[in-house]
Amino acid sequence: MIDSHINWEEKLLFSALEKPTPITLQEMHTFGKAANGETRLAVAKFLHSELPVRLAQRVRDLNRLPFGLSTMSSIIEVKECYERSYKRIMSMSCPHTASDEERFRQLVTEIKKQDSHDQAMISQALQELMLTTRGLNSGGINSSMGRSMSMGQDWDFSKFLDNFYMSRISIRMLMGHYIAIKDKVPGRVGIINDNLKPIDVVKQAAHDAGGLCSYYYGNQPEVRIEGDQDFSLQYVQAHMYYIVFELLKNSMRATCEFNEQAESLPPIYVAIAKGDDDICIKISDRGGGIPRKGLDRLWTYSFTTARPAHTKSAMEASVDSEKAVMAGFGHGLPLSRLYARYWGGDVNMTSMENFGTYAFVHLHHLGKATEQLPE
């Protein structure tokens, strides 16, 4: 039960001033592999002190949003979700017994489910702000918010969103892994796969992206895979899948739109290679590329090369978690890069205008890279 007599605003502010404690993938795997009652209790104690710090920092950052974004209903909803999670954890005593740990695990499970839709809400709020900006800049509304916004046509909250989403990835990683370590699943420790084959992830992502592409365009380009297809690594399958799926979805959409008058669609090539420290997945398409001056904007959350119809469908789907969209939020590429960077990797892109685009995914496979948390 949340104590209403506590000054939660002050308590949350002090928690936000603390520094989070980053850990490595290898450490998470080691603790998860030895997950007896004593180890789970130790992990619970760590999360009891660590999660409030990361949650409080997100509330602080949401409160600092400029141009009225912090007062938008979708942002307020996300902020209240994080505040509620913070209060629930802080209202529970630090676990000291097996029964304490079980109650804490149930609480973390509830919080993780509650958190599930905030990405769609943030996306919706940003799109609402962009539409509001266009209306204000057109001269239809005169306000201090409009005057502040009139300094530019596109509003890029990339740094804020990078920090917000990187922290969210870390929070969900800690919670998801802790919840999962109790259940012994062959080939997996918590949510970390012991022997994850990139080739299997690429095939699944290509199948899923292809189905989505066929739904929207009535056709899909072939995906041809080459390179080293036999090696495996310790990694989080959901993270790798998200990265590859988003990049393939982007390539398929571009290929269909650029070649809509052609008799057949050119294939997309995926090459996989393993180095001493990293694995690399290269995705090459003939989807027309983008101008060189637009490459930097690929990583901004307001940027999308999708046609207006897809942007509209993304807006409609923002409140419908069951409806997948082909493109339109402008979140897929920057989020893919964050998932790679979280464990010390990266995503880079280069392009040939009127020909195609090349994406390079680098993922650290030694497990020694520390979480890359926002400052």
Protein backbone atom coordinates (compact mmCIF):
# COMPACT_ATOMS: atom_id res chain seq x y z
CA MET A 1 0.00 0.00 0.00
CA ILE A 2 1.29 3.48 -0.95
CA ASP A 3 1.70 5.78 2.06
CA SER A 4 -0.12 9.07 1.33
CA HIS A 5 1.71 10.86 4.17
CA ILE A 6 5.09 10.63 2.43
CA ASN A 7 6.31 13.61 0.42
CA TRP A 8 6.69 11.57 -2.76
CA GLU A 9 7.70 14.52 -4.93
CA GLU A 10 10.71 15.26 -2.72
CA LYS A 11 11.60 11.59 -2.33
CA LEU A 12 11.45 11.04 -6.07
CA LEU A 13 13.62 14.10 -6.69
CA PHE A 14 16.36 12.79 -4.39
CA SER A 15 16.21 9.33 -6.02
CA ALA A 16 16.66 10.97 -9.44
CA LEU A 17 19.91 12.56 -8.22
CA GLU A 18 21.48 9.15 -7.54
CA LYS A 19 23.59 7.42 -10.18
CA PRO A 20 22.37 4.11 -11.62
CA THR A 21 24.64 1.06 -11.41
CA PRO A 22 25.29 -0.40 -14.89
CA ILE A 23 25.99 -4.13 -15.22
CA THR A 24 27.22 -6.38 -18.02
CA LEU A 25 25.40 -9.05 -20.00
CA GLN A 26 27.88 -11.59 -18.65
CA GLU A 27 27.06 -10.62 -15.05
CA MET A 28 23.34 -10.97 -15.73
CA HIS A 29 23.94 -14.39 -17.27
CA THR A 30 26.14 -15.55 -14.38
CA PHE A 31 23.62 -14.53 -11.72
CA GLY A 32 20.76 -16.02 -13.71
CA LYS A 33 22.53 -19.34 -14.26
CA ALA A 34 23.06 -19.78 -10.51
CA ALA A 35 19.51 -18.68 -9.72
CA ASN A 36 18.71 -20.53 -6.51
CA GLY A 37 16.66 -18.91 -3.76
CA GLU A 38 19.66 -17.10 -2.30
CA THR A 39 20.75 -15.67 -5.66
CA ARG A 40 17.23 -14.53 -6.54
CA LEU A 41 17.03 -12.78 -3.19
CA ALA A 42 20.31 -10.96 -3.92
CA VAL A 43 18.99 -9.87 -7.32
CA ALA A 44 15.73 -8.70 -5.71
CA LYS A 45 17.68 -6.56 -3.22
CA PHE A 46 19.67 -5.01 -6.05
CA LEU A 47 16.54 -4.20 -8.06
CA HIS A 48 14.78 -2.83 -5.00
CA SER A 49 17.43 -0.11 -4.79
CA GLU A 50 18.22 0.22 -8.51
CA LEU A 51 14.81 0.40 -10.18
CA PRO A 52 13.59 3.46 -8.20
CA VAL A 53 16.65 5.43 -9.36
CA ARG A 54 16.02 4.66 -13.03
CA LEU A 55 12.26 5.25 -12.72
CA ALA A 56 12.73 8.56 -10.89
CA GLN A 57 15.10 9.85 -13.57
CA ARG A 58 12.50 9.20 -16.26
CA VAL A 59 9.86 11.14 -14.30
CA ARG A 60 12.32 14.02 -13.90
CA ASP A 61 13.07 14.07 -17.62
CA LEU A 62 9.37 13.97 -18.55
CA ASN A 63 8.76 16.95 -16.27
CA ARG A 64 11.52 18.88 -18.05
CA LEU A 65 10.03 18.55 -21.55
CA PRO A 66 9.66 21.96 -23.26
CA PHE A 67 6.95 23.56 -25.43
CA GLY A 68 4.01 22.18 -23.46
CA LEU A 69 4.79 18.55 -24.31
CA SER A 70 4.95 17.68 -20.60
CA THR A 71 1.28 18.73 -20.21
CA MET A 72 -0.04 16.57 -23.04
CA SER A 73 -2.37 13.82 -21.84
CA SER A 74 -0.31 10.95 -23.28
CA ILE A 75 2.88 12.24 -21.62
CA ILE A 76 1.08 12.75 -18.30
CA GLU A 77 -0.17 9.16 -18.54
CA VAL A 78 3.36 7.84 -19.04
CA LYS A 79 4.70 9.99 -16.20
CA GLU A 80 1.97 8.79 -13.83
CA CYS A 81 2.79 5.20 -14.78
CA TYR A 82 6.44 5.70 -13.79
CA GLU A 83 5.50 7.58 -10.62
CA ARG A 84 3.10 4.81 -9.61
CA SER A 85 5.76 2.15 -10.21
CA TYR A 86 8.29 4.15 -8.19
CA LYS A 87 5.90 4.53 -5.27
CA ARG A 88 4.93 0.85 -5.25
CA ILE A 89 8.56 -0.29 -5.06
CA MET A 90 9.54 2.29 -2.45
CA SER A 91 6.48 1.39 -0.36
CA MET A 92 7.66 -2.23 -0.12
CA SER A 93 10.42 -3.07 2.34
CA CYS A 94 13.67 -4.46 0.95
CA PRO A 95 13.25 -8.26 0.57
CA HIS A 96 14.99 -10.33 3.27
CA THR A 97 13.25 -13.70 3.06
CA ALA A 98 12.09 -16.10 0.35
CA SER A 99 8.48 -15.01 0.84
CA ASP A 100 9.57 -11.34 0.60
CA GLU A 101 11.33 -12.13 -2.67
CA GLU A 102 8.23 -13.85 -4.05
CA ARG A 103 6.06 -10.81 -3.25
CA PHE A 104 8.64 -8.51 -4.82
CA ARG A 105 8.78 -10.64 -7.98
CA GLN A 106 4.99 -10.44 -8.28
CA LEU A 107 5.19 -6.66 -7.93
CA VAL A 108 7.88 -6.39 -10.62
CA THR A 109 5.77 -8.58 -12.92
CA GLU A 110 2.78 -6.26 -12.47
CA ILE A 111 4.90 -3.16 -13.09
CA LYS A 112 6.38 -4.59 -16.28
CA LYS A 113 2.91 -5.33 -17.67
CA GLN A 114 1.70 -1.86 -16.72
CA ASP A 115 4.63 -0.31 -18.59
CA SER A 116 3.91 -2.10 -21.86
CA HIS A 117 2.22 0.69 -23.81
CA ASP A 118 4.31 3.76 -23.03
CA GLN A 119 6.27 3.62 -26.29
CA ALA A 120 3.06 3.98 -28.29
CA MET A 121 1.94 6.83 -26.02
CA ILE A 122 5.25 8.69 -26.40
CA SER A 123 5.08 8.19 -30.18
CA GLN A 124 1.51 9.49 -30.22
CA ALA A 125 2.45 12.54 -28.14
CA LEU A 126 5.34 13.41 -30.46
CA GLN A 127 3.13 13.06 -33.54
CA GLU A 128 0.50 15.25 -31.87
CA LEU A 129 3.17 17.85 -31.17
CA MET A 130 4.36 17.78 -34.79
CA LEU A 131 0.81 18.34 -36.04
CA THR A 132 0.31 21.14 -33.52
CA THR A 133 3.58 22.74 -34.64
CA ARG A 134 2.47 22.78 -38.26
CA GLY A 135 -0.82 24.38 -37.27
CA LEU A 136 0.90 27.04 -35.19
CA ASN A 137 3.51 27.81 -37.84
CA SER A 138 0.79 28.23 -40.47
CA GLY A 139 -0.48 31.22 -38.51
CA GLY A 140 -3.72 29.61 -37.40
CA ILE A 141 -2.96 30.00 -33.69
CA ASN A 142 -1.02 32.68 -31.87
CA SER A 143 0.50 31.71 -28.51
CA SER A 144 3.77 31.70 -26.61
CA MET A 145 4.04 28.01 -27.46
CA GLY A 146 3.64 28.88 -31.13
CA ARG A 147 6.28 31.61 -30.96
CA SER A 148 8.73 29.21 -29.31
CA MET A 149 8.06 26.61 -31.95
CA SER A 150 8.27 28.99 -34.90
CA MET A 151 12.06 28.84 -34.79
CA GLY A 152 11.96 25.73 -37.00
CA GLN A 153 9.68 23.46 -38.99
CA ASP A 154 10.70 20.11 -37.52
CA TRP A 155 11.04 19.53 -33.80
CA ASP A 156 13.62 16.92 -32.94
CA PHE A 157 13.50 15.58 -29.40
CA SER A 158 16.07 12.95 -30.26
CA LYS A 159 18.38 13.47 -27.32
CA PHE A 160 15.52 13.30 -24.83
CA LEU A 161 14.01 10.27 -26.53
CA ASP A 162 17.39 8.54 -26.81
CA ASN A 163 17.84 8.93 -23.04
CA PHE A 164 14.25 7.99 -22.26
CA TYR A 165 14.20 4.88 -24.43
CA MET A 166 17.69 3.73 -23.44
CA SER A 167 16.64 3.88 -19.81
CA ARG A 168 13.38 2.12 -20.63
CA ILE A 169 15.28 -0.67 -22.39
CA SER A 170 17.46 -1.08 -19.29
CA ILE A 171 14.50 -1.07 -16.89
CA ARG A 172 12.63 -3.68 -18.90
CA MET A 173 15.79 -5.75 -19.31
CA LEU A 174 16.37 -5.85 -15.54
CA MET A 175 12.74 -6.62 -14.78
CA GLY A 176 12.27 -9.16 -17.57
CA HIS A 177 15.46 -11.06 -16.75
CA TYR A 178 14.68 -11.15 -13.03
CA ILE A 179 11.16 -12.47 -13.67
CA ALA A 180 12.43 -15.12 -16.10
CA ILE A 181 15.36 -16.53 -14.10
CA LYS A 182 13.03 -18.50 -11.82
CA ASP A 183 11.90 -20.68 -14.74
CA LYS A 184 14.50 -23.03 -16.18
CA VAL A 185 14.24 -23.06 -19.97
CA PRO A 186 16.70 -25.22 -21.98
CA GLY A 187 19.17 -23.08 -23.91
CA ARG A 188 18.24 -19.92 -22.07
CA VAL A 189 19.13 -18.12 -18.85
CA GLY A 190 16.41 -15.66 -17.98
CA ILE A 191 15.87 -13.79 -21.26
CA ILE A 192 19.44 -14.38 -22.46
CA ASN A 193 19.90 -17.11 -25.07
CA ASP A 194 22.96 -19.30 -24.50
CA ASN A 195 23.49 -20.19 -28.16
CA LEU A 196 21.62 -17.70 -30.28
CA LYS A 197 22.18 -18.18 -34.00
CA PRO A 198 21.91 -14.89 -35.94
CA ILE A 199 20.83 -16.84 -39.02
CA ASP A 200 17.71 -18.03 -37.17
CA VAL A 201 16.87 -14.50 -36.05
CA VAL A 202 17.33 -13.14 -39.59
CA LYS A 203 15.08 -15.84 -41.06
CA GLN A 204 12.31 -15.18 -38.54
CA ALA A 205 12.55 -11.41 -38.97
CA ALA A 206 12.50 -11.78 -42.78
CA HIS A 207 9.42 -14.02 -42.57
CA ASP A 208 7.55 -11.59 -40.31
CA ALA A 209 8.55 -8.44 -42.21
CA GLY A 210 7.67 -10.17 -45.47
CA GLY A 211 4.19 -11.01 -44.24
CA LEU A 212 3.64 -7.41 -43.22
CA CYS A 213 4.98 -6.18 -46.56
CA SER A 214 2.64 -8.48 -48.47
CA TYR A 215 -0.30 -7.21 -46.42
CA TYR A 216 0.41 -3.57 -47.33
CA TYR A 217 1.80 -3.93 -50.85
CA GLY A 218 0.52 -7.27 -52.11
CA ASN A 219 4.09 -8.38 -52.75
CA GLN A 220 7.44 -8.78 -50.99
CA PRO A 221 11.09 -8.88 -52.10
CA GLU A 222 13.08 -12.07 -51.64
CA VAL A 223 15.65 -12.04 -48.82
CA ARG A 224 18.90 -13.82 -49.71
CA ILE A 225 21.23 -14.68 -46.82
CA GLU A 226 24.97 -15.19 -47.19
CA GLY A 227 28.08 -15.38 -44.99
CA ASP A 228 28.71 -17.33 -41.79
CA GLN A 229 25.51 -19.14 -40.89
CA ASP A 230 26.76 -21.59 -38.27
CA PHE A 231 28.05 -19.56 -35.30
CA SER A 232 26.09 -18.68 -32.17
CA LEU A 233 26.51 -16.29 -29.23
CA GLN A 234 25.08 -15.36 -25.85
CA TYR A 235 22.62 -12.55 -26.51
CA VAL A 236 19.08 -11.32 -25.95
CA GLN A 237 17.04 -12.68 -28.83
CA ALA A 238 14.30 -10.04 -28.53
CA HIS A 239 16.86 -7.25 -28.94
CA MET A 240 18.51 -8.76 -32.01
CA TYR A 241 15.15 -9.56 -33.56
CA TYR A 242 13.86 -6.02 -33.10
CA ILE A 243 16.91 -4.54 -34.82
CA VAL A 244 16.86 -6.88 -37.81
CA PHE A 245 13.07 -6.80 -38.19
CA GLU A 246 12.95 -2.98 -38.28
CA LEU A 247 15.77 -2.76 -40.81
CA LEU A 248 14.28 -5.44 -43.07
CA LYS A 249 10.83 -3.85 -42.82
CA ASN A 250 12.37 -0.53 -43.89
CA SER A 251 14.22 -2.16 -46.80
CA MET A 252 11.13 -4.03 -47.98
CA ARG A 253 8.95 -0.91 -47.91
CA ALA A 254 11.55 1.11 -49.84
CA THR A 255 12.05 -1.69 -52.37
CA CYS A 256 8.32 -2.00 -53.07
CA GLU A 257 7.77 1.75 -53.40
CA PHE A 258 10.85 2.49 -55.53
CA ASN A 259 10.21 -0.45 -57.87
CA GLU A 260 6.42 -0.28 -58.04
CA GLN A 261 6.47 -0.05 -61.86
CA ALA A 262 8.99 -2.88 -62.31
CA GLU A 263 7.99 -6.36 -63.43
CA SER A 264 9.71 -7.92 -60.40
CA LEU A 265 11.24 -6.76 -57.15
CA PRO A 266 15.04 -6.88 -56.69
CA PRO A 267 16.12 -9.07 -53.75
CA ILE A 268 17.42 -7.85 -50.40
CA TYR A 269 20.77 -9.30 -49.36
CA VAL A 270 21.72 -10.08 -45.76
CA ALA A 271 25.34 -10.95 -44.98
CA ILE A 272 26.41 -12.31 -41.57
CA ALA A 273 30.00 -12.33 -40.27
CA LYS A 274 31.72 -12.90 -36.92
CA GLY A 275 34.76 -10.91 -35.81
CA ASP A 276 36.96 -11.10 -32.72
CA ASP A 277 34.71 -8.84 -30.64
CA ASP A 278 31.60 -8.19 -32.73
CA ILE A 279 29.25 -9.87 -35.10
CA CYS A 280 28.12 -7.89 -38.12
CA ILE A 281 24.87 -8.17 -40.05
CA LYS A 282 24.79 -6.22 -43.32
CA ILE A 283 21.45 -5.55 -45.04
CA SER A 284 21.55 -4.28 -48.65
CA ASP A 285 18.54 -3.20 -50.69
CA ARG A 286 17.75 -1.55 -54.01
CA GLY A 287 15.01 0.65 -52.64
CA GLY A 288 16.20 3.92 -54.14
CA GLY A 289 18.26 5.10 -51.18
CA ILE A 290 17.97 8.60 -49.75
CA PRO A 291 19.86 11.84 -50.44
CA ARG A 292 23.19 12.17 -48.61
CA LYS A 293 21.91 15.28 -46.83
CA GLY A 294 19.15 13.19 -45.28
CA LEU A 295 21.38 10.54 -43.71
CA ASP A 296 21.84 12.38 -40.40
CA ARG A 297 18.09 12.81 -40.07
CA LEU A 298 17.58 9.03 -40.26
CA TRP A 299 18.31 8.92 -36.53
CA THR A 300 15.83 11.61 -35.52
CA TYR A 301 12.46 10.48 -34.20
CA SER A 302 10.49 12.92 -36.32
CA PHE A 303 11.94 11.61 -39.58
CA THR A 304 10.21 9.05 -41.77
CA THR A 305 10.46 8.29 -45.47
CA ALA A 306 7.07 6.57 -45.37
CA ARG A 307 4.29 7.80 -47.60
CA PRO A 308 1.53 9.83 -45.89
CA ALA A 309 -0.90 6.89 -45.94
CA HIS A 310 1.49 4.85 -43.78
CA THR A 311 2.06 7.77 -41.44
CA LYS A 312 -1.70 7.99 -40.96
CA SER A 313 -1.96 4.23 -40.32
CA ALA A 314 0.80 4.49 -37.73
CA MET A 315 -1.11 7.23 -35.93
CA GLU A 316 -4.27 5.13 -35.96
CA ALA A 317 -2.39 2.11 -34.64
CA SER A 318 -0.64 4.03 -31.85
CA VAL A 319 -3.48 3.19 -29.49
CA ASP A 320 -3.98 -0.33 -30.86
CA SER A 321 -1.15 -2.61 -29.79
CA GLU A 322 -2.50 -5.51 -31.87
CA LYS A 323 -2.24 -3.64 -35.17
CA ALA A 324 1.22 -3.78 -36.74
CA VAL A 325 2.22 -0.98 -39.10
CA MET A 326 4.71 -0.95 -41.95
CA ALA A 327 6.07 2.53 -41.27
CA GLY A 328 5.19 6.03 -40.13
CA PHE A 329 6.29 6.73 -36.55
CA GLY A 330 9.89 7.55 -37.43
CA HIS A 331 10.90 5.56 -34.33
CA GLY A 332 12.08 2.27 -35.85
CA LEU A 333 15.62 3.22 -36.90
CA PRO A 334 16.67 5.24 -33.81
CA LEU A 335 15.23 2.55 -31.51
CA SER A 336 17.08 -0.16 -33.44
CA ARG A 337 20.33 1.72 -32.90
CA LEU A 338 19.59 2.08 -29.17
CA TYR A 339 19.00 -1.67 -28.79
CA ALA A 340 22.38 -2.29 -30.43
CA ARG A 341 24.17 0.38 -28.40
CA TYR A 342 22.70 -0.81 -25.10
CA TRP A 343 25.16 -3.71 -25.05
CA GLY A 344 28.05 -1.90 -26.73
CA GLY A 345 27.08 -2.37 -30.39
CA ASP A 346 25.86 0.05 -33.05
CA VAL A 347 23.86 0.45 -36.26
CA ASN A 348 25.25 2.48 -39.17
CA MET A 349 23.78 3.25 -42.55
CA THR A 350 25.02 4.53 -45.87
CA SER A 351 23.05 5.14 -49.03
CA MET A 352 23.28 5.63 -52.79
CA GLU A 353 20.54 7.97 -53.93
CA ASN A 354 18.36 6.44 -56.66
CA PHE A 355 19.89 3.01 -56.04
CA GLY A 356 19.73 1.60 -52.49
CA THR A 357 20.72 1.59 -48.85
CA TYR A 358 23.22 -0.42 -46.81
CA ALA A 359 22.72 -1.02 -43.08
CA PHE A 360 25.45 -2.44 -40.83
CA VAL A 361 24.52 -3.94 -37.46
CA HIS A 362 27.41 -4.47 -35.03
CA LEU A 363 26.69 -6.46 -31.86
CA HIS A 364 29.21 -7.19 -29.10
CA HIS A 365 29.38 -10.97 -28.66
CA LEU A 366 31.73 -11.34 -25.68
CA GLY A 367 29.20 -10.22 -23.07
CA LYS A 368 31.70 -7.95 -21.29
CA ALA A 369 30.23 -4.64 -22.45
CA THR A 370 28.50 -2.65 -19.72
CA GLU A 371 24.98 -1.28 -20.10
CA GLN A 372 25.12 2.05 -21.92
CA LEU A 373 22.89 4.18 -19.70
CA PRO A 374 21.89 7.82 -20.23
CA GLU A 375 23.94 10.41 -18.35
